[in-house]
């Protein structure tokens, strides 16, 4: 069987090097490791899944693809499925940013040999970026892709032996330091939608009997940032 994966997962997989020795946490059907290992016979993967149903489906997919020698499917929570110094790359895709943050934080003792982290949070990418910069990882690349009406951010970080590990400011953490410069089409789509949502939230806050002043100020600041980054040479994209 030839593994078929979404455009989103193909983009995530593209950040892995040849001969990768990686773990895919929350692997579901193990489509991503199967796709990578079919393309690269030198790659080795651990497919981790916390739920029994998806774990069993992953085992079946690996078997159907004939990749039992390259992919080890394991049942367990987060980074519990890997041993210290077992993998060099880590993929965590398709879950919320806060959950990815918590998985990385609770399993950080397993990351001594991990040189690369590739994360694809469905929401709250800021939480992932915060964890990375606070734990010695430098964001070296980012991308964003639209699929089935949703825009997905992919964050690629490396553990670099450098003294100039840039501390990202609030704006970088929210939008992504690299995406903020490249601004591909999906970036505009995502943040145009987010700006409209936040505008609606701010209108509701104004009508509330008790207003959380701090929250209102933070949301207002972020809404202004969104309008600012959406503007371009021909005027404004935000409408």
Foldseek 3Di string as FASTA:
>chain_A
DAQDDDPVLVVLLVPADALFAEEEAQCQLVSNVLNNCVVHVNAAYEYEHADPVSLVNNVVNCVVSVNVVRYHYDHDDQCPSDAALRGAEYEYEDEALVSVLVSCVVPVNNCPNHFKYKYKHQDQQLSVVVSQLVNQWAFDDKDWDDDPRGIIIITMIGRDPDPCRDDDDPLCSVLNVHCLVVVDPSSLVVLLVVLVVLVVVLVVQVVDPDHPVVVNVVSVVVSVSSQVSQADPVGGPRD
